Amino acid sequence: MSYAHGGGSFPLLGLTVGQVLDHAADNWPDHIALVVVDQNIRWTWSQLRERARSLAAGLLSLGLEPGDRAGLLATNRAEWVTVQFATAYAGLILVNVHPAYRAL
């Protein structure tokens, strides 16, 4: 593995996106991880991990396989964060489609 480390005092962590969520949920399970005011959502790290893992299992049960691409057209919502972590857990490639994109 190779990477460039800038001027910070801490080296990069060799963790996947899913491992980062696991680490947070293991270390701070009851701390708030996500707040979405307009949806009235306040999820802890363990709640976010549970939702992401459940969605990952659902995506795989639909027949998606690691390495497949999954497109997401969404605004900033709790579901977007959940899909981000779920695709990481499932080994999928998340393709974000910004809802403001328009044909010229």
PDB file of N, CA and C in Angstrom:
ATOM      1  N   MET A   1       0.851  -1.169   0.000  1.00  0.00           N
ATOM      2  CA  MET A   1       0.000   0.000   0.000  1.00  0.00           C
ATOM      3  C   MET A   1       0.898   1.233   0.000  1.00  0.00           C
ATOM      4  N   SER A   2       0.543   2.207  -0.793  1.00  0.00           N
ATOM      5  CA  SER A   2       1.323   3.435  -0.795  1.00  0.00           C
ATOM      6  C   SER A   2       0.385   4.633  -0.726  1.00  0.00           C
ATOM      7  N   TYR A   3       0.851   5.673  -0.098  1.00  0.00           N
ATOM      8  CA  TYR A   3       0.102   6.912  -0.016  1.00  0.00           C
ATOM      9  C   TYR A   3       1.065   8.031   0.327  1.00  0.00           C
ATOM     10  N   ALA A   4       0.627   9.243   0.057  1.00  0.00           N
ATOM     11  CA  ALA A   4       1.427  10.408   0.416  1.00  0.00           C
ATOM     12  C   ALA A   4       0.828  11.017   1.676  1.00  0.00           C
ATOM     13  N   HIS A   5       1.668  11.286   2.639  1.00  0.00           N
ATOM     14  CA  HIS A   5       1.223  11.868   3.899  1.00  0.00           C
ATOM     15  C   HIS A   5       1.720  13.294   3.968  1.00  0.00           C
ATOM     16  N   GLY A   6       0.779  14.227   4.102  1.00  0.00           N
ATOM     17  CA  GLY A   6       1.129  15.639   4.154  1.00  0.00           C
ATOM     18  C   GLY A   6       1.717  16.048   5.491  1.00  0.00           C
ATOM     19  N   GLY A   7       1.543  17.300   5.823  1.00  0.00           N
ATOM     20  CA  GLY A   7       2.182  17.874   6.999  1.00  0.00           C
ATOM     21  C   GLY A   7       1.489  17.614   8.321  1.00  0.00           C
ATOM     22  N   GLY A   8       0.403  16.861   8.338  1.00  0.00           N
ATOM     23  CA  GLY A   8      -0.294  16.589   9.591  1.00  0.00           C
ATOM     24  C   GLY A   8       0.530  15.730  10.534  1.00  0.00           C
ATOM     25  N   SER A   9       0.123  15.710  11.781  1.00  0.00           N
ATOM     26  CA  SER A   9       0.890  14.955  12.768  1.00  0.00           C
ATOM     27  C   SER A   9       0.448  13.497  12.879  1.00  0.00           C
ATOM     28  N   PHE A  10      -0.689  13.148  12.279  1.00  0.00           N
ATOM     29  CA  PHE A  10      -1.165  11.773  12.335  1.00  0.00           C
ATOM     30  C   PHE A  10      -1.126  11.144  10.947  1.00  0.00           C
ATOM     31  N   PRO A  11      -0.614   9.924  10.813  1.00  0.00           N
ATOM     32  CA  PRO A  11      -0.599   9.256   9.503  1.00  0.00           C
ATOM     33  C   PRO A  11      -2.005   8.818   9.108  1.00  0.00           C
ATOM     34  N   LEU A  12      -2.184   8.550   7.829  1.00  0.00           N
ATOM     35  CA  LEU A  12      -3.475   8.043   7.362  1.00  0.00           C
ATOM     36  C   LEU A  12      -3.758   6.695   8.000  1.00  0.00           C
ATOM     37  N   LEU A  13      -5.032   6.426   8.229  1.00  0.00           N
ATOM     38  CA  LEU A  13      -5.433   5.131   8.763  1.00  0.00           C
ATOM     39  C   LEU A  13      -5.649   4.166   7.611  1.00  0.00           C
ATOM     40  N   GLY A  14      -5.251   2.942   7.784  1.00  0.00           N
ATOM     41  CA  GLY A  14      -5.446   1.933   6.743  1.00  0.00           C
ATOM     42  C   GLY A  14      -6.798   1.250   6.899  1.00  0.00           C
ATOM     43  N   LEU A  15      -7.876   2.030   6.913  1.00  0.00           N
ATOM     44  CA  LEU A  15      -9.205   1.488   7.131  1.00  0.00           C
ATOM     45  C   LEU A  15     -10.109   1.747   5.932  1.00  0.00           C
ATOM     46  N   THR A  16     -11.039   0.831   5.700  1.00  0.00           N
ATOM     47  CA  THR A  16     -12.058   1.061   4.688  1.00  0.00           C
ATOM     48  C   THR A  16     -13.138   1.964   5.286  1.00  0.00           C
ATOM     49  N   VAL A  17     -14.045   2.444   4.442  1.00  0.00           N
ATOM     50  CA  VAL A  17     -15.149   3.279   4.915  1.00  0.00           C
ATOM     51  C   VAL A  17     -15.994   2.507   5.932  1.00  0.00           C
ATOM     52  N   GLY A  18     -16.288   1.255   5.635  1.00  0.00           N
ATOM     53  CA  GLY A  18     -17.052   0.434   6.564  1.00  0.00           C
ATOM     54  C   GLY A  18     -16.338   0.235   7.883  1.00  0.00           C
ATOM     55  N   GLN A  19     -15.033   0.052   7.844  1.00  0.00           N
ATOM     56  CA  GLN A  19     -14.254  -0.125   9.065  1.00  0.00           C
ATOM     57  C   GLN A  19     -14.244   1.145   9.909  1.00  0.00           C
ATOM     58  N   VAL A  20     -14.280   2.296   9.256  1.00  0.00           N
ATOM     59  CA  VAL A  20     -14.331   3.556  10.003  1.00  0.00           C
ATOM     60  C   VAL A  20     -15.648   3.646  10.771  1.00  0.00           C
ATOM     61  N   LEU A  21     -16.767   3.289  10.115  1.00  0.00           N
ATOM     62  CA  LEU A  21     -18.056   3.290  10.808  1.00  0.00           C
ATOM     63  C   LEU A  21     -18.065   2.258  11.927  1.00  0.00           C
ATOM     64  N   ASP A  22     -17.523   1.074  11.673  1.00  0.00           N
ATOM     65  CA  ASP A  22     -17.445   0.051  12.725  1.00  0.00           C
ATOM     66  C   ASP A  22     -16.648   0.562  13.927  1.00  0.00           C
ATOM     67  N   HIS A  23     -15.524   1.206  13.650  1.00  0.00           N
ATOM     68  CA  HIS A  23     -14.684   1.743  14.720  1.00  0.00           C
ATOM     69  C   HIS A  23     -15.461   2.754  15.565  1.00  0.00           C
ATOM     70  N   ALA A  24     -16.163   3.666  14.901  1.00  0.00           N
ATOM     71  CA  ALA A  24     -16.936   4.673  15.624  1.00  0.00           C
ATOM     72  C   ALA A  24     -18.055   4.023  16.431  1.00  0.00           C
ATOM     73  N   ALA A  25     -18.756   3.070  15.830  1.00  0.00           N
ATOM     74  CA  ALA A  25     -19.863   2.403  16.528  1.00  0.00           C
ATOM     75  C   ALA A  25     -19.367   1.553  17.693  1.00  0.00           C
ATOM     76  N   ASP A  26     -18.192   0.961  17.554  1.00  0.00           N
ATOM     77  CA  ASP A  26     -17.629   0.167  18.648  1.00  0.00           C
ATOM     78  C   ASP A  26     -17.159   1.045  19.805  1.00  0.00           C
ATOM     79  N   ASN A  27     -16.614   2.213  19.476  1.00  0.00           N
ATOM     80  CA  ASN A  27     -16.028   3.073  20.499  1.00  0.00           C
ATOM     81  C   ASN A  27     -17.005   4.077  21.112  1.00  0.00           C
ATOM     82  N   TRP A  28     -17.982   4.519  20.323  1.00  0.00           N
ATOM     83  CA  TRP A  28     -18.938   5.523  20.799  1.00  0.00           C
ATOM     84  C   TRP A  28     -20.360   5.151  20.380  1.00  0.00           C
ATOM     85  N   PRO A  29     -20.839   3.957  20.739  1.00  0.00           N
ATOM     86  CA  PRO A  29     -22.116   3.462  20.221  1.00  0.00           C
ATOM     87  C   PRO A  29     -23.308   4.361  20.496  1.00  0.00           C
ATOM     88  N   ASP A  30     -23.305   5.051  21.625  1.00  0.00           N
ATOM     89  CA  ASP A  30     -24.460   5.863  22.001  1.00  0.00           C
ATOM     90  C   ASP A  30     -24.269   7.358  21.755  1.00  0.00           C
ATOM     91  N   HIS A  31     -23.154   7.726  21.143  1.00  0.00           N
ATOM     92  CA  HIS A  31     -22.926   9.135  20.804  1.00  0.00           C
ATOM     93  C   HIS A  31     -23.632   9.453  19.491  1.00  0.00           C
ATOM     94  N   ILE A  32     -24.041  10.689  19.345  1.00  0.00           N
ATOM     95  CA  ILE A  32     -24.756  11.112  18.141  1.00  0.00           C
ATOM     96  C   ILE A  32     -23.790  11.133  16.949  1.00  0.00           C
ATOM     97  N   ALA A  33     -24.201  10.464  15.874  1.00  0.00           N
ATOM     98  CA  ALA A  33     -23.396  10.398  14.656  1.00  0.00           C
ATOM     99  C   ALA A  33     -23.970  11.273  13.550  1.00  0.00           C
ATOM    100  N   LEU A  34     -25.289  11.394  13.515  1.00  0.00           N
ATOM    101  CA  LEU A  34     -25.933  12.081  12.398  1.00  0.00           C
ATOM    102  C   LEU A  34     -27.142  12.857  12.899  1.00  0.00           C
ATOM    103  N   VAL A  35     -27.212  14.116  12.513  1.00  0.00           N
ATOM    104  CA  VAL A  35     -28.372  14.952  12.812  1.00  0.00           C
ATOM    105  C   VAL A  35     -28.859  15.547  11.503  1.00  0.00           C
ATOM    106  N   VAL A  36     -30.130  15.310  11.196  1.00  0.00           N
ATOM    107  CA  VAL A  36     -30.761  15.913  10.018  1.00  0.00           C
ATOM    108  C   VAL A  36     -32.001  16.623  10.533  1.00  0.00           C
ATOM    109  N   VAL A  37     -31.896  17.928  10.681  1.00  0.00           N
ATOM    110  CA  VAL A  37     -32.926  18.713  11.352  1.00  0.00           C
ATOM    111  C   VAL A  37     -34.262  18.630  10.640  1.00  0.00           C
ATOM    112  N   ASP A  38     -34.272  18.812   9.310  1.00  0.00           N
ATOM    113  CA  ASP A  38     -35.554  18.840   8.606  1.00  0.00           C
ATOM    114  C   ASP A  38     -36.244  17.474   8.568  1.00  0.00           C
ATOM    115  N   GLN A  39     -35.538  16.405   8.871  1.00  0.00           N
ATOM    116  CA  GLN A  39     -36.137  15.074   8.957  1.00  0.00           C
ATOM    117  C   GLN A  39     -36.386  14.669  10.412  1.00  0.00           C
ATOM    118  N   ASN A  40     -35.990  15.533  11.344  1.00  0.00           N
ATOM    119  CA  ASN A  40     -36.130  15.254  12.770  1.00  0.00           C
ATOM    120  C   ASN A  40     -35.421  13.949  13.150  1.00  0.00           C
ATOM    121  N   ILE A  41     -34.184  13.809  12.653  1.00  0.00           N
ATOM    122  CA  ILE A  41     -33.397  12.589  12.872  1.00  0.00           C
ATOM    123  C   ILE A  41     -32.177  12.902  13.710  1.00  0.00           C
ATOM    124  N   ARG A  42     -31.944  12.060  14.692  1.00  0.00           N
ATOM    125  CA  ARG A  42     -30.735  12.075  15.520  1.00  0.00           C
ATOM    126  C   ARG A  42     -30.363  10.617  15.740  1.00  0.00           C
ATOM    127  N   TRP A  43     -29.391  10.131  14.975  1.00  0.00           N
ATOM    128  CA  TRP A  43     -28.980   8.739  15.074  1.00  0.00           C
ATOM    129  C   TRP A  43     -27.642   8.646  15.787  1.00  0.00           C
ATOM    130  N   THR A  44     -27.500   7.591  16.579  1.00  0.00           N
ATOM    131  CA  THR A  44     -26.213   7.288  17.203  1.00  0.00           C
ATOM    132  C   THR A  44     -25.363   6.508  16.201  1.00  0.00           C
ATOM    133  N   TRP A  45     -24.103   6.329  16.568  1.00  0.00           N
ATOM    134  CA  TRP A  45     -23.214   5.545  15.708  1.00  0.00           C
ATOM    135  C   TRP A  45     -23.730   4.123  15.536  1.00  0.00           C
ATOM    136  N   SER A  46     -24.225   3.517  16.597  1.00  0.00           N
ATOM    137  CA  SER A  46     -24.722   2.146  16.474  1.00  0.00           C
ATOM    138  C   SER A  46     -25.987   2.089  15.630  1.00  0.00           C
ATOM    139  N   GLN A  47     -26.852   3.091  15.724  1.00  0.00           N
ATOM    140  CA  GLN A  47     -28.054   3.121  14.881  1.00  0.00           C
ATOM    141  C   GLN A  47     -27.688   3.288  13.408  1.00  0.00           C
ATOM    142  N   LEU A  48     -26.743   4.159  13.124  1.00  0.00           N
ATOM    143  CA  LEU A  48     -26.310   4.356  11.740  1.00  0.00           C
ATOM    144  C   LEU A  48     -25.709   3.071  11.187  1.00  0.00           C
ATOM    145  N   ARG A  49     -24.869   2.414  11.975  1.00  0.00           N
ATOM    146  CA  ARG A  49     -24.261   1.163  11.511  1.00  0.00           C
ATOM    147  C   ARG A  49     -25.328   0.103  11.262  1.00  0.00           C
ATOM    148  N   GLU A  50     -26.292  -0.018  12.146  1.00  0.00           N
ATOM    149  CA  GLU A  50     -27.356  -1.012  11.983  1.00  0.00           C
ATOM    150  C   GLU A  50     -28.134  -0.765  10.697  1.00  0.00           C
ATOM    151  N   ARG A  51     -28.476   0.478  10.431  1.00  0.00           N
ATOM    152  CA  ARG A  51     -29.217   0.808   9.213  1.00  0.00           C
ATOM    153  C   ARG A  51     -28.380   0.537   7.962  1.00  0.00           C
ATOM    154  N   ALA A  52     -27.102   0.905   8.012  1.00  0.00           N
ATOM    155  CA  ALA A  52     -26.226   0.699   6.857  1.00  0.00           C
ATOM    156  C   ALA A  52     -26.015  -0.786   6.572  1.00  0.00           C
ATOM    157  N   ARG A  53     -25.800  -1.562   7.605  1.00  0.00           N
ATOM    158  CA  ARG A  53     -25.609  -3.003   7.410  1.00  0.00           C
ATOM    159  C   ARG A  53     -26.877  -3.655   6.876  1.00  0.00           C
ATOM    160  N   SER A  54     -28.019  -3.240   7.381  1.00  0.00           N
ATOM    161  CA  SER A  54     -29.295  -3.784   6.911  1.00  0.00           C
ATOM    162  C   SER A  54     -29.511  -3.452   5.440  1.00  0.00           C
ATOM    163  N   LEU A  55     -29.242  -2.210   5.053  1.00  0.00           N
ATOM    164  CA  LEU A  55     -29.392  -1.827   3.650  1.00  0.00           C
ATOM    165  C   LEU A  55     -28.381  -2.564   2.778  1.00  0.00           C
ATOM    166  N   ALA A  56     -27.160  -2.746   3.250  1.00  0.00           N
ATOM    167  CA  ALA A  56     -26.149  -3.488   2.486  1.00  0.00           C
ATOM    168  C   ALA A  56     -26.631  -4.903   2.202  1.00  0.00           C
ATOM    169  N   ALA A  57     -27.190  -5.555   3.213  1.00  0.00           N
ATOM    170  CA  ALA A  57     -27.716  -6.913   3.025  1.00  0.00           C
ATOM    171  C   ALA A  57     -28.855  -6.908   2.017  1.00  0.00           C
ATOM    172  N   GLY A  58     -29.701  -5.893   2.087  1.00  0.00           N
ATOM    173  CA  GLY A  58     -30.802  -5.786   1.134  1.00  0.00           C
ATOM    174  C   GLY A  58     -30.323  -5.585  -0.293  1.00  0.00           C
ATOM    175  N   LEU A  59     -29.321  -4.745  -0.480  1.00  0.00           N
ATOM    176  CA  LEU A  59     -28.775  -4.520  -1.827  1.00  0.00           C
ATOM    177  C   LEU A  59     -28.186  -5.807  -2.395  1.00  0.00           C
ATOM    178  N   LEU A  60     -27.468  -6.548  -1.571  1.00  0.00           N
ATOM    179  CA  LEU A  60     -26.888  -7.811  -2.030  1.00  0.00           C
ATOM    180  C   LEU A  60     -27.973  -8.849  -2.311  1.00  0.00           C
ATOM    181  N   SER A  61     -29.043  -8.830  -1.526  1.00  0.00           N
ATOM    182  CA  SER A  61     -30.132  -9.799  -1.753  1.00  0.00           C
ATOM    183  C   SER A  61     -30.890  -9.494  -3.040  1.00  0.00           C
ATOM    184  N   LEU A  62     -30.793  -8.272  -3.533  1.00  0.00           N
ATOM    185  CA  LEU A  62     -31.415  -7.919  -4.813  1.00  0.00           C
ATOM    186  C   LEU A  62     -30.610  -8.434  -6.004  1.00  0.00           C
ATOM    187  N   GLY A  63     -29.431  -8.941  -5.735  1.00  0.00           N
ATOM    188  CA  GLY A  63     -28.604  -9.478  -6.809  1.00  0.00           C
ATOM    189  C   GLY A  63     -27.400  -8.626  -7.158  1.00  0.00           C
ATOM    190  N   LEU A  64     -27.236  -7.482  -6.506  1.00  0.00           N
ATOM    191  CA  LEU A  64     -26.033  -6.689  -6.733  1.00  0.00           C
ATOM    192  C   LEU A  64     -24.846  -7.442  -6.159  1.00  0.00           C
ATOM    193  N   GLU A  65     -23.703  -7.307  -6.800  1.00  0.00           N
ATOM    194  CA  GLU A  65     -22.497  -8.006  -6.374  1.00  0.00           C
ATOM    195  C   GLU A  65     -21.375  -7.010  -6.140  1.00  0.00           C
ATOM    196  N   PRO A  66     -20.444  -7.339  -5.231  1.00  0.00           N
ATOM    197  CA  PRO A  66     -19.309  -6.447  -5.021  1.00  0.00           C
ATOM    198  C   PRO A  66     -18.664  -6.063  -6.348  1.00  0.00           C
ATOM    199  N   GLY A  67     -18.385  -4.776  -6.483  1.00  0.00           N
ATOM    200  CA  GLY A  67     -17.819  -4.248  -7.723  1.00  0.00           C
ATOM    201  C   GLY A  67     -18.867  -3.638  -8.631  1.00  0.00           C
ATOM    202  N   ASP A  68     -20.159  -3.967  -8.422  1.00  0.00           N
ATOM    203  CA  ASP A  68     -21.230  -3.351  -9.204  1.00  0.00           C
ATOM    204  C   ASP A  68     -21.352  -1.884  -8.825  1.00  0.00           C
ATOM    205  N   ARG A  69     -21.904  -1.100  -9.748  1.00  0.00           N
ATOM    206  CA  ARG A  69     -22.149   0.315  -9.484  1.00  0.00           C
ATOM    207  C   ARG A  69     -23.604   0.514  -9.090  1.00  0.00           C
ATOM    208  N   ALA A  70     -23.811   1.386  -8.123  1.00  0.00           N
ATOM    209  CA  ALA A  70     -25.158   1.740  -7.687  1.00  0.00           C
ATOM    210  C   ALA A  70     -25.281   3.254  -7.762  1.00  0.00           C
ATOM    211  N   GLY A  71     -26.251   3.730  -8.529  1.00  0.00           N
ATOM    212  CA  GLY A  71     -26.462   5.166  -8.685  1.00  0.00           C
ATOM    213  C   GLY A  71     -27.393   5.699  -7.618  1.00  0.00           C
ATOM    214  N   LEU A  72     -27.129   6.903  -7.172  1.00  0.00           N
ATOM    215  CA  LEU A  72     -27.963   7.544  -6.165  1.00  0.00           C
ATOM    216  C   LEU A  72     -28.218   8.984  -6.580  1.00  0.00           C
ATOM    217  N   LEU A  73     -29.498   9.294  -6.751  1.00  0.00           N
ATOM    218  CA  LEU A  73     -29.927  10.661  -7.032  1.00  0.00           C
ATOM    219  C   LEU A  73     -30.672  11.131  -5.794  1.00  0.00           C
ATOM    220  N   ALA A  74     -30.062  12.008  -5.024  1.00  0.00           N
ATOM    221  CA  ALA A  74     -30.685  12.432  -3.776  1.00  0.00           C
ATOM    222  C   ALA A  74     -30.094  13.759  -3.319  1.00  0.00           C
ATOM    223  N   THR A  75     -30.885  14.456  -2.533  1.00  0.00           N
ATOM    224  CA  THR A  75     -30.402  15.652  -1.858  1.00  0.00           C
ATOM    225  C   THR A  75     -29.785  15.220  -0.524  1.00  0.00           C
ATOM    226  N   ASN A  76     -29.354  16.185   0.261  1.00  0.00           N
ATOM    227  CA  ASN A  76     -28.754  15.873   1.555  1.00  0.00           C
ATOM    228  C   ASN A  76     -29.837  15.384   2.513  1.00  0.00           C
ATOM    229  N   ARG A  77     -29.831  14.085   2.755  1.00  0.00           N
ATOM    230  CA  ARG A  77     -30.808  13.439   3.620  1.00  0.00           C
ATOM    231  C   ARG A  77     -30.110  12.317   4.386  1.00  0.00           C
ATOM    232  N   ALA A  78     -30.753  11.836   5.425  1.00  0.00           N
ATOM    233  CA  ALA A  78     -30.196  10.725   6.201  1.00  0.00           C
ATOM    234  C   ALA A  78     -30.021   9.493   5.320  1.00  0.00           C
ATOM    235  N   GLU A  79     -30.914   9.297   4.382  1.00  0.00           N
ATOM    236  CA  GLU A  79     -30.827   8.135   3.492  1.00  0.00           C
ATOM    237  C   GLU A  79     -29.554   8.167   2.654  1.00  0.00           C
ATOM    238  N   TRP A  80     -29.105   9.359   2.295  1.00  0.00           N
ATOM    239  CA  TRP A  80     -27.881   9.466   1.494  1.00  0.00           C
ATOM    240  C   TRP A  80     -26.701   8.925   2.293  1.00  0.00           C
ATOM    241  N   VAL A  81     -26.593   9.310   3.539  1.00  0.00           N
ATOM    242  CA  VAL A  81     -25.503   8.836   4.387  1.00  0.00           C
ATOM    243  C   VAL A  81     -25.591   7.325   4.566  1.00  0.00           C
ATOM    244  N   THR A  82     -26.814   6.829   4.765  1.00  0.00           N
ATOM    245  CA  THR A  82     -27.014   5.394   4.936  1.00  0.00           C
ATOM    246  C   THR A  82     -26.577   4.633   3.696  1.00  0.00           C
ATOM    247  N   VAL A  83     -26.940   5.126   2.518  1.00  0.00           N
ATOM    248  CA  VAL A  83     -26.542   4.472   1.266  1.00  0.00           C
ATOM    249  C   VAL A  83     -25.026   4.521   1.094  1.00  0.00           C
ATOM    250  N   GLN A  84     -24.403   5.632   1.465  1.00  0.00           N
ATOM    251  CA  GLN A  84     -22.940   5.743   1.355  1.00  0.00           C
ATOM    252  C   GLN A  84     -22.252   4.617   2.124  1.00  0.00           C
ATOM    253  N   PHE A  85     -22.650   4.421   3.371  1.00  0.00           N
ATOM    254  CA  PHE A  85     -22.030   3.371   4.178  1.00  0.00           C
ATOM    255  C   PHE A  85     -22.476   1.983   3.724  1.00  0.00           C
ATOM    256  N   ALA A  86     -23.733   1.830   3.323  1.00  0.00           N
ATOM    257  CA  ALA A  86     -24.238   0.517   2.890  1.00  0.00           C
ATOM    258  C   ALA A  86     -23.498   0.025   1.659  1.00  0.00           C
ATOM    259  N   THR A  87     -23.277   0.896   0.694  1.00  0.00           N
ATOM    260  CA  THR A  87     -22.554   0.465  -0.510  1.00  0.00           C
ATOM    261  C   THR A  87     -21.118   0.096  -0.171  1.00  0.00           C
ATOM    262  N   ALA A  88     -20.532   0.800   0.787  1.00  0.00           N
ATOM    263  CA  ALA A  88     -19.174   0.444   1.217  1.00  0.00           C
ATOM    264  C   ALA A  88     -19.166  -0.942   1.847  1.00  0.00           C
ATOM    265  N   TYR A  89     -20.116  -1.212   2.741  1.00  0.00           N
ATOM    266  CA  TYR A  89     -20.202  -2.537   3.365  1.00  0.00           C
ATOM    267  C   TYR A  89     -20.404  -3.627   2.324  1.00  0.00           C
ATOM    268  N   ALA A  90     -21.207  -3.345   1.303  1.00  0.00           N
ATOM    269  CA  ALA A  90     -21.534  -4.355   0.293  1.00  0.00           C
ATOM    270  C   ALA A  90     -20.458  -4.476  -0.782  1.00  0.00           C
ATOM    271  N   GLY A  91     -19.472  -3.594  -0.765  1.00  0.00           N
ATOM    272  CA  GLY A  91     -18.426  -3.632  -1.781  1.00  0.00           C
ATOM    273  C   GLY A  91     -18.869  -3.056  -3.107  1.00  0.00           C
ATOM    274  N   LEU A  92     -19.906  -2.226  -3.076  1.00  0.00           N
ATOM    275  CA  LEU A  92     -20.425  -1.612  -4.292  1.00  0.00           C
ATOM    276  C   LEU A  92     -19.754  -0.271  -4.532  1.00  0.00           C
ATOM    277  N   ILE A  93     -19.815   0.194  -5.765  1.00  0.00           N
ATOM    278  CA  ILE A  93     -19.269   1.497  -6.127  1.00  0.00           C
ATOM    279  C   ILE A  93     -20.435   2.465  -6.186  1.00  0.00           C
ATOM    280  N   LEU A  94     -20.437   3.454  -5.305  1.00  0.00           N
ATOM    281  CA  LEU A  94     -21.518   4.429  -5.275  1.00  0.00           C
ATOM    282  C   LEU A  94     -21.264   5.501  -6.317  1.00  0.00           C
ATOM    283  N   VAL A  95     -22.252   5.705  -7.179  1.00  0.00           N
ATOM    284  CA  VAL A  95     -22.190   6.748  -8.202  1.00  0.00           C
ATOM    285  C   VAL A  95     -23.196   7.817  -7.796  1.00  0.00           C
ATOM    286  N   ASN A  96     -22.694   8.950  -7.348  1.00  0.00           N
ATOM    287  CA  ASN A  96     -23.571  10.035  -6.911  1.00  0.00           C
ATOM    288  C   ASN A  96     -24.000  10.871  -8.111  1.00  0.00           C
ATOM    289  N   VAL A  97     -25.293  11.102  -8.217  1.00  0.00           N
ATOM    290  CA  VAL A  97     -25.841  11.944  -9.272  1.00  0.00           C
ATOM    291  C   VAL A  97     -26.466  13.141  -8.580  1.00  0.00           C
ATOM    292  N   HIS A  98     -25.897  14.291  -8.783  1.00  0.00           N
ATOM    293  CA  HIS A  98     -26.382  15.492  -8.111  1.00  0.00           C
ATOM    294  C   HIS A  98     -27.732  15.902  -8.697  1.00  0.00           C
ATOM    295  N   PRO A  99     -28.733  16.135  -7.842  1.00  0.00           N
ATOM    296  CA  PRO A  99     -30.075  16.451  -8.359  1.00  0.00           C
ATOM    297  C   PRO A  99     -30.161  17.785  -9.104  1.00  0.00           C
ATOM    298  N   ALA A 100     -29.159  18.629  -8.982  1.00  0.00           N
ATOM    299  CA  ALA A 100     -29.193  19.912  -9.691  1.00  0.00           C
ATOM    300  C   ALA A 100     -28.591  19.813 -11.089  1.00  0.00           C
ATOM    301  N   TYR A 101     -28.001  18.679 -11.456  1.00  0.00           N
ATOM    302  CA  TYR A 101     -27.428  18.539 -12.797  1.00  0.00           C
ATOM    303  C   TYR A 101     -28.528  18.683 -13.837  1.00  0.00           C
ATOM    304  N   ARG A 102     -28.265  19.444 -14.868  1.00  0.00           N
ATOM    305  CA  ARG A 102     -29.230  19.648 -15.939  1.00  0.00           C
ATOM    306  C   ARG A 102     -28.503  19.573 -17.271  1.00  0.00           C
ATOM    307  N   ALA A 103     -29.214  19.083 -18.271  1.00  0.00           N
ATOM    308  CA  ALA A 103     -28.644  19.079 -19.623  1.00  0.00           C
ATOM    309  C   ALA A 103     -28.536  20.512 -20.127  1.00  0.00           C
ATOM    310  N   LEU A 104     -27.478  20.796 -20.867  1.00  0.00           N
ATOM    311  CA  LEU A 104     -27.289  22.150 -21.406  1.00  0.00           C
ATOM    312  C   LEU A 104     -28.071  22.345 -22.668  1.00  0.00           C
TER     313      LEU A 104
END
